[in-house]
Each structure stands twice: as C-alpha cells, then as structure tokens.
C-alpha cells in the first residue's frame, strides 16, 4: 500500500523533515503560472463536484 503524501502540516507543524517528493511538489506549485479569473471561473463551472451534477458547479 502506497504511503500518503507528506503534508505541509507535517513539515511545518510537526517538524518532520520534508521528503524529496514533498520538496519537488512544493517547488512545482510555486513555479506554476497564475490562473486568470476567467480560467478559474471556467474550471469552476466545468467541475461537477461531489454530487456529479454539472448544473450545480462548485
């Protein structure tokens, strides 16, 4: 069974040493381009959410 990814809470709150996987993901998130308001709206309107109903977007 694969271990759950390390969280920011574990690193900052509990003082765990960050894993290489955590550092790589953190770096990728920081280097990702910002999304425009229009793109965020488009994604929100296309996401059906937990109920799977596209008529009630998240």
N, C-alpha and C. Protein backbone atom coordinates (compact mmCIF):
# COMPACT_ATOMS: atom_id res chain seq x y z
N UNK A 1 0.84 -1.18 0.00
CA UNK A 1 0.00 0.00 0.00
C UNK A 1 0.89 1.25 0.00
N UNK A 2 0.57 2.18 -0.89
CA UNK A 2 1.38 3.39 -1.00
C UNK A 2 1.09 4.34 0.15
N UNK A 3 2.14 4.92 0.68
CA UNK A 3 2.03 5.86 1.79
C UNK A 3 1.44 7.18 1.30
N UNK A 4 0.61 7.81 2.14
CA UNK A 4 0.01 9.11 1.79
C UNK A 4 1.10 10.16 1.66
N UNK A 5 0.91 11.12 0.74
CA UNK A 5 1.92 12.17 0.58
C UNK A 5 2.06 13.00 1.85
N UNK A 6 3.25 13.46 2.08
CA UNK A 6 3.54 14.30 3.24
C UNK A 6 2.82 15.63 3.09
N UNK A 7 2.30 16.16 4.18
CA UNK A 7 1.55 17.42 4.14
C UNK A 7 2.38 18.57 4.70
N UNK A 8 1.96 19.78 4.38
CA UNK A 8 2.61 20.98 4.91
C UNK A 8 2.49 21.01 6.44
N UNK A 9 1.38 20.50 6.96
CA UNK A 9 1.18 20.44 8.41
C UNK A 9 2.25 19.55 9.06
N UNK A 10 2.56 18.44 8.43
CA UNK A 10 3.58 17.55 8.97
C UNK A 10 4.96 18.21 8.97
N UNK A 11 5.24 18.95 7.92
CA UNK A 11 6.56 19.59 7.80
C UNK A 11 6.67 20.78 8.74
N UNK A 12 5.71 21.70 8.68
CA UNK A 12 5.81 22.91 9.50
C UNK A 12 5.27 22.73 10.91
N UNK A 13 4.15 22.06 11.04
CA UNK A 13 3.52 21.92 12.36
C UNK A 13 4.16 20.88 13.25
N UNK A 14 4.57 19.77 12.64
CA UNK A 14 5.12 18.66 13.42
C UNK A 14 6.64 18.56 13.33
N UNK A 15 7.23 19.38 12.48
CA UNK A 15 8.69 19.41 12.38
C UNK A 15 9.32 18.25 11.65
N UNK A 16 8.53 17.53 10.81
CA UNK A 16 9.11 16.43 10.05
C UNK A 16 10.06 16.98 8.99
N UNK A 17 11.08 16.21 8.70
CA UNK A 17 11.99 16.55 7.62
C UNK A 17 11.25 16.34 6.30
N UNK A 18 11.22 17.36 5.41
CA UNK A 18 10.48 17.19 4.14
C UNK A 18 11.11 16.11 3.27
N UNK A 19 10.26 15.29 2.67
CA UNK A 19 10.73 14.26 1.75
C UNK A 19 11.08 14.91 0.41
N UNK A 20 11.82 14.20 -0.40
CA UNK A 20 12.18 14.70 -1.73
C UNK A 20 10.91 14.93 -2.56
N UNK A 21 9.95 14.02 -2.44
CA UNK A 21 8.68 14.17 -3.16
C UNK A 21 7.96 15.45 -2.75
N UNK A 22 7.95 15.75 -1.45
CA UNK A 22 7.31 16.97 -0.94
C UNK A 22 8.00 18.21 -1.51
N UNK A 23 9.33 18.22 -1.49
CA UNK A 23 10.09 19.37 -1.98
C UNK A 23 9.83 19.58 -3.46
N UNK A 24 9.81 18.51 -4.25
CA UNK A 24 9.57 18.62 -5.69
C UNK A 24 8.18 19.17 -5.97
N UNK A 25 7.17 18.67 -5.27
CA UNK A 25 5.80 19.15 -5.48
C UNK A 25 5.66 20.60 -5.05
N UNK A 26 6.25 20.96 -3.92
CA UNK A 26 6.20 22.34 -3.42
C UNK A 26 6.84 23.29 -4.43
N UNK A 27 7.98 22.88 -4.97
CA UNK A 27 8.69 23.70 -5.95
C UNK A 27 7.85 23.86 -7.22
N UNK A 28 7.24 22.78 -7.70
CA UNK A 28 6.41 22.84 -8.90
C UNK A 28 5.21 23.76 -8.69
N UNK A 29 4.59 23.71 -7.54
CA UNK A 29 3.44 24.57 -7.25
C UNK A 29 3.85 26.04 -7.22
N UNK A 30 5.01 26.32 -6.66
CA UNK A 30 5.50 27.71 -6.59
C UNK A 30 5.89 28.26 -7.96
N UNK A 31 6.29 27.38 -8.87
CA UNK A 31 6.72 27.81 -10.20
C UNK A 31 5.58 27.81 -11.23
N UNK A 32 4.43 27.29 -10.86
CA UNK A 32 3.29 27.22 -11.79
C UNK A 32 2.76 28.63 -12.06
N UNK A 33 2.34 28.88 -13.30
CA UNK A 33 1.80 30.21 -13.62
C UNK A 33 0.46 30.44 -12.92
N UNK A 34 0.19 31.70 -12.62
CA UNK A 34 -1.10 32.04 -12.01
C UNK A 34 -2.20 31.90 -13.04
N UNK A 35 -3.39 31.51 -12.58
CA UNK A 35 -4.53 31.39 -13.48
C UNK A 35 -5.32 32.69 -13.45
N UNK A 36 -5.84 33.06 -14.61
CA UNK A 36 -6.66 34.27 -14.69
C UNK A 36 -8.01 34.01 -14.04
N UNK A 37 -8.71 35.08 -13.71
CA UNK A 37 -10.05 34.94 -13.15
C UNK A 37 -10.97 34.18 -14.10
N UNK A 38 -10.81 34.43 -15.40
CA UNK A 38 -11.63 33.76 -16.40
C UNK A 38 -11.37 32.26 -16.41
N UNK A 39 -10.10 31.87 -16.29
CA UNK A 39 -9.77 30.45 -16.26
C UNK A 39 -10.29 29.79 -14.99
N UNK A 40 -10.17 30.47 -13.87
CA UNK A 40 -10.70 29.92 -12.62
C UNK A 40 -12.21 29.74 -12.72
N UNK A 41 -12.89 30.71 -13.30
CA UNK A 41 -14.35 30.61 -13.47
C UNK A 41 -14.70 29.45 -14.40
N UNK A 42 -13.96 29.31 -15.50
CA UNK A 42 -14.22 28.22 -16.44
C UNK A 42 -14.06 26.86 -15.76
N UNK A 43 -13.00 26.72 -14.97
CA UNK A 43 -12.77 25.46 -14.27
C UNK A 43 -13.86 25.19 -13.25
N UNK A 44 -14.26 26.22 -12.52
CA UNK A 44 -15.30 26.05 -11.51
C UNK A 44 -16.63 25.64 -12.15
N UNK A 45 -16.97 26.26 -13.26
CA UNK A 45 -18.23 25.96 -13.91
C UNK A 45 -18.23 24.60 -14.60
N UNK A 46 -17.06 24.07 -14.90
CA UNK A 46 -17.00 22.76 -15.55
C UNK A 46 -16.83 21.63 -14.54
N UNK A 47 -16.65 21.95 -13.26
CA UNK A 47 -16.44 20.93 -12.23
C UNK A 47 -17.78 20.55 -11.61
N UNK A 48 -18.20 19.30 -11.76
CA UNK A 48 -19.49 18.90 -11.22
C UNK A 48 -19.51 18.73 -9.71
N UNK A 49 -18.36 18.64 -9.08
CA UNK A 49 -18.30 18.47 -7.64
C UNK A 49 -18.63 17.06 -7.20
N UNK A 50 -18.79 16.90 -5.93
CA UNK A 50 -19.00 15.56 -5.35
C UNK A 50 -20.31 14.92 -5.80
N UNK A 51 -21.32 15.74 -6.07
CA UNK A 51 -22.61 15.15 -6.46
C UNK A 51 -22.67 14.78 -7.94
N UNK A 52 -21.66 15.20 -8.72
CA UNK A 52 -21.60 14.85 -10.13
C UNK A 52 -22.58 15.61 -11.01
N UNK A 53 -23.24 16.62 -10.45
CA UNK A 53 -24.24 17.39 -11.19
C UNK A 53 -23.62 18.67 -11.73
N UNK A 54 -23.48 18.74 -13.08
CA UNK A 54 -22.87 19.92 -13.69
C UNK A 54 -23.78 21.14 -13.62
N UNK A 55 -25.05 20.95 -13.28
CA UNK A 55 -25.96 22.09 -13.14
C UNK A 55 -25.71 22.85 -11.84
N UNK A 56 -24.99 22.23 -10.91
CA UNK A 56 -24.65 22.89 -9.64
C UNK A 56 -23.12 22.89 -9.50
N UNK A 57 -22.44 23.76 -10.27
CA UNK A 57 -20.98 23.74 -10.25
C UNK A 57 -20.41 24.13 -8.90
N UNK A 58 -19.20 23.69 -8.69
CA UNK A 58 -18.53 24.02 -7.45
C UNK A 58 -17.98 25.40 -7.61
